[in-house]
Amino acid sequence: MTATHIHASSVVSPKAKIGAGVSIGPFCVVGDNVSIGDGTVLHSHVVVDGRTTIGANNTIFPFASIGTRPQDLKFHGEESTLIIGDRNMIREHVTMNPGTEGGGMKTVVGSDCLFMMSAHVAHDCIVGNHVILANNATLAGHVTVGDYAILGGLSAVHQFVRIGAHAMIGGMSGVEYDVIPYGLVMGERARLAGLNLVGLERRGFAREDINTLMKGFKELFYGQGTFAQRLQAVNDHHQGQGLLGDVLTFATTKNSRPLCQPQQK
């Protein structure tokens, strides 16, 4: 079993739970209620505080702040949590906050994600697996991000927004509305620009499924009638069919934010 290494300059609470093979570099601070899984590496100057659980084989780079108090004025010290999965890469200056009483009391980050420099995950967010937040991408509170979604650099997501699985958010985009699975959005006030076809092909989805998704996408967002009428018609015809079924399930699930739509011509 690999030995745990804690640099002499770091301050690690004796109450913290530190797994086997954990490496904690110089000038790190680990709080009382922290649990760090086997094989996780904290490079220098990392702060992990609050009721934070970090899984196995994560790598956290200098000056990341994990589990500190949420940036929510309604937070009053409730015993909320931050839960991080396995094999995540958390780069310099990344910040992740625990949940709040107003949002389920927990923030959850999945496994195999990449959080590039200065990315931010706010209180009560739920982030899936294999997600990428590029440099300075930020999630406001209560945001949900599906598996394999990619958020470009300097993008910002409004509170309570849902980002569907395999979606792509263009760099420097402000996302105010829910983004469908497999969608591609971009713009200062982001609009739906199409489907993330490159991502779908790279991940090996069948050509037949992609073609069905493309056909349904055109019917849903560019067909005749109101959006509600088109959604009903496409849902009646294609409900439960593969990738398009994922989009329809997402679109018919109620949320406080409307769906991101294409730019009107």
C-alpha atoms as a PDB file:
ATOM      1  CA  MET A   1       0.000   0.000   0.000  1.00  0.00           C
ATOM      2  CA  THR A   2       1.354   3.424  -0.986  1.00  0.00           C
ATOM      3  CA  ALA A   3       2.265   5.631   1.937  1.00  0.00           C
ATOM      4  CA  THR A   4       0.508   8.939   2.556  1.00  0.00           C
ATOM      5  CA  HIS A   5       2.752  11.999   2.397  1.00  0.00           C
ATOM      6  CA  ILE A   6       1.947  15.329   4.076  1.00  0.00           C
ATOM      7  CA  HIS A   7       4.472  18.147   3.734  1.00  0.00           C
ATOM      8  CA  ALA A   8       5.641  19.585   7.049  1.00  0.00           C
ATOM      9  CA  SER A   9       4.495  23.100   6.114  1.00  0.00           C
ATOM     10  CA  SER A  10       0.873  22.059   5.530  1.00  0.00           C
ATOM     11  CA  VAL A  11      -1.846  22.365   8.171  1.00  0.00           C
ATOM     12  CA  VAL A  12      -4.003  19.238   8.152  1.00  0.00           C
ATOM     13  CA  SER A  13      -6.603  18.760  10.873  1.00  0.00           C
ATOM     14  CA  PRO A  14      -6.180  15.553  12.888  1.00  0.00           C
ATOM     15  CA  LYS A  15      -9.953  15.131  12.462  1.00  0.00           C
ATOM     16  CA  ALA A  16      -9.709  15.004   8.663  1.00  0.00           C
ATOM     17  CA  LYS A  17      -9.930  11.575   7.004  1.00  0.00           C
ATOM     18  CA  ILE A  18      -6.950  11.065   4.730  1.00  0.00           C
ATOM     19  CA  GLY A  19      -6.835   7.962   2.512  1.00  0.00           C
ATOM     20  CA  ALA A  20      -3.937   5.744   1.523  1.00  0.00           C
ATOM     21  CA  GLY A  21      -1.396   7.145  -0.902  1.00  0.00           C
ATOM     22  CA  VAL A  22      -2.618  10.737  -0.572  1.00  0.00           C
ATOM     23  CA  SER A  23       0.015  13.381  -1.254  1.00  0.00           C
ATOM     24  CA  ILE A  24      -0.408  16.840   0.290  1.00  0.00           C
ATOM     25  CA  GLY A  25       2.221  19.325  -0.842  1.00  0.00           C
ATOM     26  CA  PRO A  26       3.599  22.476   0.795  1.00  0.00           C
ATOM     27  CA  PHE A  27       1.391  25.118   2.439  1.00  0.00           C
ATOM     28  CA  CYS A  28      -1.932  23.320   2.042  1.00  0.00           C
ATOM     29  CA  VAL A  29      -4.771  23.652   4.564  1.00  0.00           C
ATOM     30  CA  VAL A  30      -7.242  20.803   5.201  1.00  0.00           C
ATOM     31  CA  GLY A  31     -10.147  21.328   7.602  1.00  0.00           C
ATOM     32  CA  ASP A  32     -11.772  19.220  10.301  1.00  0.00           C
ATOM     33  CA  ASN A  33     -14.654  17.780   8.275  1.00  0.00           C
ATOM     34  CA  VAL A  34     -12.760  16.915   5.112  1.00  0.00           C
ATOM     35  CA  SER A  35     -12.399  13.406   3.680  1.00  0.00           C
ATOM     36  CA  ILE A  36      -9.810  12.781   0.945  1.00  0.00           C
ATOM     37  CA  GLY A  37      -9.844   9.491  -0.952  1.00  0.00           C
ATOM     38  CA  ASP A  38      -6.954   7.193  -1.796  1.00  0.00           C
ATOM     39  CA  GLY A  39      -4.323   8.427  -4.210  1.00  0.00           C
ATOM     40  CA  THR A  40      -5.511  12.028  -4.404  1.00  0.00           C
ATOM     41  CA  VAL A  41      -2.797  14.661  -4.842  1.00  0.00           C
ATOM     42  CA  LEU A  42      -2.942  18.202  -3.484  1.00  0.00           C
ATOM     43  CA  HIS A  43      -0.169  20.327  -4.923  1.00  0.00           C
ATOM     44  CA  SER A  44       1.019  23.343  -2.952  1.00  0.00           C
ATOM     45  CA  HIS A  45      -1.246  26.064  -1.476  1.00  0.00           C
ATOM     46  CA  VAL A  46      -4.531  24.140  -1.809  1.00  0.00           C
ATOM     47  CA  VAL A  47      -7.326  24.884   0.689  1.00  0.00           C
ATOM     48  CA  VAL A  48      -9.954  22.184   1.355  1.00  0.00           C
ATOM     49  CA  ASP A  49     -12.496  23.100   4.008  1.00  0.00           C
ATOM     50  CA  GLY A  50     -16.120  22.617   5.044  1.00  0.00           C
ATOM     51  CA  ARG A  51     -17.934  19.289   4.954  1.00  0.00           C
ATOM     52  CA  THR A  52     -16.136  18.171   1.832  1.00  0.00           C
ATOM     53  CA  THR A  53     -15.672  14.646   0.521  1.00  0.00           C
ATOM     54  CA  ILE A  54     -13.138  14.113  -2.268  1.00  0.00           C
ATOM     55  CA  GLY A  55     -12.911  10.714  -3.953  1.00  0.00           C
ATOM     56  CA  ALA A  56      -9.905   8.756  -5.168  1.00  0.00           C
ATOM     57  CA  ASN A  57      -7.104   9.735  -7.547  1.00  0.00           C
ATOM     58  CA  ASN A  58      -8.000  13.382  -7.981  1.00  0.00           C
ATOM     59  CA  THR A  59      -5.302  15.946  -8.714  1.00  0.00           C
ATOM     60  CA  ILE A  60      -5.728  19.470  -7.334  1.00  0.00           C
ATOM     61  CA  PHE A  61      -3.328  22.206  -8.370  1.00  0.00           C
ATOM     62  CA  PRO A  62      -2.018  25.264  -6.468  1.00  0.00           C
ATOM     63  CA  PHE A  63      -4.337  27.918  -5.067  1.00  0.00           C
ATOM     64  CA  ALA A  64      -7.550  25.965  -5.590  1.00  0.00           C
ATOM     65  CA  SER A  65     -10.191  26.670  -2.929  1.00  0.00           C
ATOM     66  CA  ILE A  66     -12.444  23.674  -2.350  1.00  0.00           C
ATOM     67  CA  GLY A  67     -15.404  23.565   0.034  1.00  0.00           C
ATOM     68  CA  THR A  68     -15.168  27.048   1.496  1.00  0.00           C
ATOM     69  CA  ARG A  69     -18.236  29.126   2.371  1.00  0.00           C
ATOM     70  CA  PRO A  70     -20.710  29.681  -0.522  1.00  0.00           C
ATOM     71  CA  GLN A  71     -20.923  33.111  -2.137  1.00  0.00           C
ATOM     72  CA  ASP A  72     -24.602  33.338  -1.225  1.00  0.00           C
ATOM     73  CA  LEU A  73     -25.814  36.045   1.156  1.00  0.00           C
ATOM     74  CA  LYS A  74     -28.625  33.731   2.317  1.00  0.00           C
ATOM     75  CA  PHE A  75     -26.140  31.173   3.634  1.00  0.00           C
ATOM     76  CA  HIS A  76     -26.069  31.210   7.439  1.00  0.00           C
ATOM     77  CA  GLY A  77     -23.684  28.413   8.323  1.00  0.00           C
ATOM     78  CA  GLU A  78     -25.914  25.398   7.685  1.00  0.00           C
ATOM     79  CA  GLU A  79     -24.124  22.048   7.636  1.00  0.00           C
ATOM     80  CA  SER A  80     -24.162  21.624   3.864  1.00  0.00           C
ATOM     81  CA  THR A  81     -21.740  19.502   1.855  1.00  0.00           C
ATOM     82  CA  LEU A  82     -19.550  19.322  -1.219  1.00  0.00           C
ATOM     83  CA  ILE A  83     -19.059  15.873  -2.768  1.00  0.00           C
ATOM     84  CA  ILE A  84     -16.423  15.300  -5.468  1.00  0.00           C
ATOM     85  CA  GLY A  85     -15.984  12.013  -7.323  1.00  0.00           C
ATOM     86  CA  ASP A  86     -12.859  10.277  -8.637  1.00  0.00           C
ATOM     87  CA  ARG A  87     -10.077  11.057 -11.113  1.00  0.00           C
ATOM     88  CA  ASN A  88     -10.869  14.741 -11.556  1.00  0.00           C
ATOM     89  CA  MET A  89      -8.248  17.265 -12.647  1.00  0.00           C
ATOM     90  CA  ILE A  90      -8.770  20.545 -10.770  1.00  0.00           C
ATOM     91  CA  ARG A  91      -6.382  23.215 -11.984  1.00  0.00           C
ATOM     92  CA  GLU A  92      -5.025  26.431 -10.463  1.00  0.00           C
ATOM     93  CA  HIS A  93      -7.394  28.890  -8.736  1.00  0.00           C
ATOM     94  CA  VAL A  94     -10.495  26.718  -9.215  1.00  0.00           C
ATOM     95  CA  THR A  95     -13.222  27.353  -6.626  1.00  0.00           C
ATOM     96  CA  MET A  96     -15.972  24.943  -5.577  1.00  0.00           C
ATOM     97  CA  ASN A  97     -18.553  25.717  -2.880  1.00  0.00           C
ATOM     98  CA  PRO A  98     -20.872  23.490  -0.810  1.00  0.00           C
ATOM     99  CA  GLY A  99     -24.654  23.614  -0.982  1.00  0.00           C
ATOM    100  CA  THR A 100     -27.156  25.736   0.889  1.00  0.00           C
ATOM    101  CA  GLU A 101     -30.447  25.275   2.681  1.00  0.00           C
ATOM    102  CA  GLY A 102     -32.244  26.732  -0.330  1.00  0.00           C
ATOM    103  CA  GLY A 103     -30.847  24.173  -2.760  1.00  0.00           C
ATOM    104  CA  GLY A 104     -30.769  20.722  -1.256  1.00  0.00           C
ATOM    105  CA  MET A 105     -27.779  21.251   1.042  1.00  0.00           C
ATOM    106  CA  LYS A 106     -25.191  19.772  -1.309  1.00  0.00           C
ATOM    107  CA  THR A 107     -23.038  20.452  -4.327  1.00  0.00           C
ATOM    108  CA  VAL A 108     -22.051  17.343  -6.289  1.00  0.00           C
ATOM    109  CA  VAL A 109     -19.224  16.956  -8.829  1.00  0.00           C
ATOM    110  CA  GLY A 110     -18.907  13.674 -10.718  1.00  0.00           C
ATOM    111  CA  SER A 111     -15.819  11.798 -11.900  1.00  0.00           C
ATOM    112  CA  ASP A 112     -13.280  12.156 -14.731  1.00  0.00           C
ATOM    113  CA  CYS A 113     -13.873  15.891 -15.125  1.00  0.00           C
ATOM    114  CA  LEU A 114     -11.425  18.643 -16.053  1.00  0.00           C
ATOM    115  CA  PHE A 115     -11.730  22.046 -14.408  1.00  0.00           C
ATOM    116  CA  MET A 116      -9.233  24.399 -16.019  1.00  0.00           C
ATOM    117  CA  MET A 117      -7.708  27.461 -14.398  1.00  0.00           C
ATOM    118  CA  SER A 118     -10.089  29.707 -12.412  1.00  0.00           C
ATOM    119  CA  ALA A 119     -13.239  27.721 -13.190  1.00  0.00           C
ATOM    120  CA  HIS A 120     -15.981  28.129 -10.573  1.00  0.00           C
ATOM    121  CA  VAL A 121     -18.666  25.708  -9.335  1.00  0.00           C
ATOM    122  CA  ALA A 122     -21.110  27.559  -7.091  1.00  0.00           C
ATOM    123  CA  HIS A 123     -23.419  26.298  -4.355  1.00  0.00           C
ATOM    124  CA  ASP A 124     -25.965  23.573  -5.068  1.00  0.00           C
ATOM    125  CA  CYS A 125     -24.625  22.728  -8.526  1.00  0.00           C
ATOM    126  CA  ILE A 126     -24.815  19.163  -9.828  1.00  0.00           C
ATOM    127  CA  VAL A 127     -22.033  18.368 -12.317  1.00  0.00           C
ATOM    128  CA  GLY A 128     -21.965  15.043 -14.153  1.00  0.00           C
ATOM    129  CA  ASN A 129     -19.085  12.861 -15.332  1.00  0.00           C
ATOM    130  CA  HIS A 130     -16.497  13.678 -18.019  1.00  0.00           C
ATOM    131  CA  VAL A 131     -17.423  17.369 -17.935  1.00  0.00           C
ATOM    132  CA  ILE A 132     -14.923  20.042 -19.013  1.00  0.00           C
ATOM    133  CA  LEU A 133     -14.951  23.631 -17.776  1.00  0.00           C
ATOM    134  CA  ALA A 134     -12.311  25.585 -19.694  1.00  0.00           C
ATOM    135  CA  ASN A 135     -10.378  28.537 -18.270  1.00  0.00           C
ATOM    136  CA  ASN A 136     -12.580  30.960 -16.293  1.00  0.00           C
ATOM    137  CA  ALA A 137     -15.828  29.114 -17.064  1.00  0.00           C
ATOM    138  CA  THR A 138     -18.265  29.740 -14.218  1.00  0.00           C
ATOM    139  CA  LEU A 139     -21.434  28.130 -12.913  1.00  0.00           C
ATOM    140  CA  ALA A 140     -23.824  30.170 -10.789  1.00  0.00           C
ATOM    141  CA  GLY A 141     -25.832  28.508  -8.033  1.00  0.00           C
ATOM    142  CA  HIS A 142     -28.216  25.597  -8.646  1.00  0.00           C
ATOM    143  CA  VAL A 143     -26.873  24.805 -12.134  1.00  0.00           C
ATOM    144  CA  THR A 144     -27.066  21.225 -13.448  1.00  0.00           C
ATOM    145  CA  VAL A 145     -24.514  20.028 -16.019  1.00  0.00           C
ATOM    146  CA  GLY A 146     -24.947  16.705 -17.807  1.00  0.00           C
ATOM    147  CA  ASP A 147     -22.265  14.141 -18.638  1.00  0.00           C
ATOM    148  CA  TYR A 148     -19.661  15.046 -21.282  1.00  0.00           C
ATOM    149  CA  ALA A 149     -20.774  18.679 -21.522  1.00  0.00           C
ATOM    150  CA  ILE A 150     -18.044  21.179 -22.426  1.00  0.00           C
ATOM    151  CA  LEU A 151     -18.086  24.831 -21.346  1.00  0.00           C
ATOM    152  CA  GLY A 152     -15.734  27.083 -23.288  1.00  0.00           C
ATOM    153  CA  GLY A 153     -13.380  29.618 -21.760  1.00  0.00           C
ATOM    154  CA  LEU A 154     -14.851  32.720 -20.095  1.00  0.00           C
ATOM    155  CA  SER A 155     -18.396  31.362 -20.385  1.00  0.00           C
ATOM    156  CA  ALA A 156     -20.898  32.046 -17.592  1.00  0.00           C
ATOM    157  CA  VAL A 157     -24.052  30.107 -16.711  1.00  0.00           C
ATOM    158  CA  HIS A 158     -27.026  31.774 -14.994  1.00  0.00           C
ATOM    159  CA  GLN A 159     -28.409  30.286 -11.774  1.00  0.00           C
ATOM    160  CA  PHE A 160     -30.909  27.395 -12.080  1.00  0.00           C
ATOM    161  CA  VAL A 161     -29.953  26.690 -15.702  1.00  0.00           C
ATOM    162  CA  ARG A 162     -29.669  23.088 -16.937  1.00  0.00           C
ATOM    163  CA  ILE A 163     -26.926  22.142 -19.388  1.00  0.00           C
ATOM    164  CA  GLY A 164     -27.789  18.876 -21.132  1.00  0.00           C
ATOM    165  CA  ALA A 165     -25.440  15.951 -21.637  1.00  0.00           C
ATOM    166  CA  HIS A 166     -22.923  16.264 -24.501  1.00  0.00           C
ATOM    167  CA  ALA A 167     -23.764  19.952 -24.983  1.00  0.00           C
ATOM    168  CA  MET A 168     -21.118  22.432 -26.103  1.00  0.00           C
ATOM    169  CA  ILE A 169     -21.029  26.011 -24.792  1.00  0.00           C
ATOM    170  CA  GLY A 170     -18.952  28.350 -26.922  1.00  0.00           C
ATOM    171  CA  GLY A 171     -16.271  30.496 -25.327  1.00  0.00           C
ATOM    172  CA  MET A 172     -17.272  33.904 -23.912  1.00  0.00           C
ATOM    173  CA  SER A 173     -20.970  32.933 -23.898  1.00  0.00           C
ATOM    174  CA  GLY A 174     -23.513  34.080 -21.341  1.00  0.00           C
ATOM    175  CA  VAL A 175     -25.993  31.215 -20.861  1.00  0.00           C
ATOM    176  CA  GLU A 176     -29.339  32.368 -19.458  1.00  0.00           C
ATOM    177  CA  TYR A 177     -31.573  29.499 -20.615  1.00  0.00           C
ATOM    178  CA  ASP A 178     -31.564  25.696 -20.503  1.00  0.00           C
ATOM    179  CA  VAL A 179     -29.408  24.027 -23.155  1.00  0.00           C
ATOM    180  CA  ILE A 180     -30.746  20.807 -24.693  1.00  0.00           C
ATOM    181  CA  PRO A 181     -28.607  17.652 -24.673  1.00  0.00           C
ATOM    182  CA  TYR A 182     -26.253  17.550 -27.680  1.00  0.00           C
ATOM    183  CA  GLY A 183     -26.897  21.253 -28.291  1.00  0.00           C
ATOM    184  CA  LEU A 184     -24.371  23.870 -29.405  1.00  0.00           C
ATOM    185  CA  VAL A 185     -24.858  27.379 -28.046  1.00  0.00           C
ATOM    186  CA  MET A 186     -22.806  30.549 -28.368  1.00  0.00           C
ATOM    187  CA  GLY A 187     -23.004  34.307 -28.134  1.00  0.00           C
ATOM    188  CA  GLU A 188     -22.825  37.160 -25.628  1.00  0.00           C
ATOM    189  CA  ARG A 189     -26.408  36.242 -24.778  1.00  0.00           C
ATOM    190  CA  ALA A 190     -26.139  32.645 -25.906  1.00  0.00           C
ATOM    191  CA  ARG A 191     -28.495  31.312 -28.562  1.00  0.00           C
ATOM    192  CA  LEU A 192     -28.905  27.769 -29.831  1.00  0.00           C
ATOM    193  CA  ALA A 193     -26.654  27.523 -32.900  1.00  0.00           C
ATOM    194  CA  GLY A 194     -27.189  23.854 -33.774  1.00  0.00           C
ATOM    195  CA  LEU A 195     -26.049  20.458 -32.575  1.00  0.00           C
ATOM    196  CA  ASN A 196     -22.673  19.411 -31.208  1.00  0.00           C
ATOM    197  CA  LEU A 197     -22.080  17.161 -34.213  1.00  0.00           C
ATOM    198  CA  VAL A 198     -18.318  17.030 -33.792  1.00  0.00           C
ATOM    199  CA  GLY A 199     -18.709  15.832 -30.213  1.00  0.00           C
ATOM    200  CA  LEU A 200     -21.299  13.238 -31.208  1.00  0.00           C
ATOM    201  CA  GLU A 201     -19.050  11.806 -33.917  1.00  0.00           C
ATOM    202  CA  ARG A 202     -16.001  11.756 -31.662  1.00  0.00           C
ATOM    203  CA  ARG A 203     -17.905   9.788 -29.032  1.00  0.00           C
ATOM    204  CA  GLY A 204     -18.962   7.134 -31.495  1.00  0.00           C
ATOM    205  CA  PHE A 205     -22.713   7.648 -31.724  1.00  0.00           C
ATOM    206  CA  ALA A 206     -24.302   5.765 -34.605  1.00  0.00           C
ATOM    207  CA  ARG A 207     -24.862   7.729 -37.811  1.00  0.00           C
ATOM    208  CA  GLU A 208     -28.517   6.625 -37.915  1.00  0.00           C
ATOM    209  CA  ASP A 209     -29.127   8.046 -34.419  1.00  0.00           C
ATOM    210  CA  ILE A 210     -27.411  11.319 -35.335  1.00  0.00           C
ATOM    211  CA  ASN A 211     -29.504  11.638 -38.507  1.00  0.00           C
ATOM    212  CA  THR A 212     -32.719  11.058 -36.534  1.00  0.00           C
ATOM    213  CA  LEU A 213     -31.595  13.683 -34.010  1.00  0.00           C
ATOM    214  CA  MET A 214     -30.863  16.205 -36.785  1.00  0.00           C
ATOM    215  CA  LYS A 215     -34.262  15.643 -38.387  1.00  0.00           C
ATOM    216  CA  GLY A 216     -36.095  16.020 -35.091  1.00  0.00           C
ATOM    217  CA  PHE A 217     -34.036  19.097 -34.200  1.00  0.00           C
ATOM    218  CA  LYS A 218     -35.126  20.861 -37.397  1.00  0.00           C
ATOM    219  CA  GLU A 219     -38.756  19.942 -36.821  1.00  0.00           C
ATOM    220  CA  LEU A 220     -38.606  21.119 -33.210  1.00  0.00           C
ATOM    221  CA  PHE A 221     -36.871  24.454 -33.671  1.00  0.00           C
ATOM    222  CA  TYR A 222     -37.619  25.426 -37.294  1.00  0.00           C
ATOM    223  CA  GLY A 223     -40.987  23.832 -38.091  1.00  0.00           C
ATOM    224  CA  GLN A 224     -44.420  25.417 -38.410  1.00  0.00           C
ATOM    225  CA  GLY A 225     -46.544  26.617 -35.485  1.00  0.00           C
ATOM    226  CA  THR A 226     -45.604  27.634 -31.975  1.00  0.00           C
ATOM    227  CA  PHE A 227     -42.776  25.952 -30.117  1.00  0.00           C
ATOM    228  CA  ALA A 228     -45.281  24.245 -27.797  1.00  0.00           C
ATOM    229  CA  GLN A 229     -47.133  22.833 -30.829  1.00  0.00           C
ATOM    230  CA  ARG A 230     -43.926  21.629 -32.459  1.00  0.00           C
ATOM    231  CA  LEU A 231     -42.740  20.032 -29.222  1.00  0.00           C
ATOM    232  CA  GLN A 232     -46.008  18.160 -28.881  1.00  0.00           C
ATOM    233  CA  ALA A 233     -45.908  16.961 -32.490  1.00  0.00           C
ATOM    234  CA  VAL A 234     -42.280  15.805 -32.372  1.00  0.00           C
ATOM    235  CA  ASN A 235     -42.813  14.175 -28.986  1.00  0.00           C
ATOM    236  CA  ASP A 236     -45.864  12.278 -30.265  1.00  0.00           C
ATOM    237  CA  HIS A 237     -43.899  10.990 -33.250  1.00  0.00           C
ATOM    238  CA  HIS A 238     -40.454  10.337 -31.790  1.00  0.00           C
ATOM    239  CA  GLN A 239     -40.913   9.806 -28.043  1.00  0.00           C
ATOM    240  CA  GLY A 240     -38.255   7.511 -26.570  1.00  0.00           C
ATOM    241  CA  GLN A 241     -36.172   7.289 -29.753  1.00  0.00           C
ATOM    242  CA  GLY A 242     -32.475   7.372 -28.853  1.00  0.00           C
ATOM    243  CA  LEU A 243     -30.702  10.722 -28.857  1.00  0.00           C
ATOM    244  CA  LEU A 244     -33.810  12.617 -29.887  1.00  0.00           C
ATOM    245  CA  GLY A 245     -35.691  10.961 -27.051  1.00  0.00           C
ATOM    246  CA  ASP A 246     -33.129  12.445 -24.648  1.00  0.00           C
ATOM    247  CA  VAL A 247     -33.798  15.916 -26.056  1.00  0.00           C
ATOM    248  CA  LEU A 248     -37.570  15.492 -25.798  1.00  0.00           C
ATOM    249  CA  THR A 249     -37.387  14.239 -22.216  1.00  0.00           C
ATOM    250  CA  PHE A 250     -35.230  17.240 -21.327  1.00  0.00           C
ATOM    251  CA  ALA A 251     -37.496  19.702 -23.155  1.00  0.00           C
ATOM    252  CA  THR A 252     -40.670  18.415 -21.503  1.00  0.00           C
ATOM    253  CA  THR A 253     -39.209  18.461 -17.984  1.00  0.00           C
ATOM    254  CA  LYS A 254     -40.373  21.568 -16.157  1.00  0.00           C
ATOM    255  CA  ASN A 255     -37.747  24.025 -14.941  1.00  0.00           C
ATOM    256  CA  SER A 256     -37.697  27.659 -13.866  1.00  0.00           C
ATOM    257  CA  ARG A 257     -35.645  28.605 -16.939  1.00  0.00           C
ATOM    258  CA  PRO A 258     -36.960  28.362 -20.534  1.00  0.00           C
ATOM    259  CA  LEU A 259     -35.126  26.511 -23.279  1.00  0.00           C
ATOM    260  CA  CYS A 260     -32.366  28.246 -25.201  1.00  0.00           C
ATOM    261  CA  GLN A 261     -33.724  28.875 -28.712  1.00  0.00           C
ATOM    262  CA  PRO A 262     -32.140  29.729 -32.073  1.00  0.00           C
ATOM    263  CA  GLN A 263     -31.742  33.383 -33.032  1.00  0.00           C
ATOM    264  CA  GLN A 264     -34.910  34.592 -34.714  1.00  0.00           C
ATOM    265  CA  LYS A 265     -34.356  35.790 -38.271  1.00  0.00           C
END
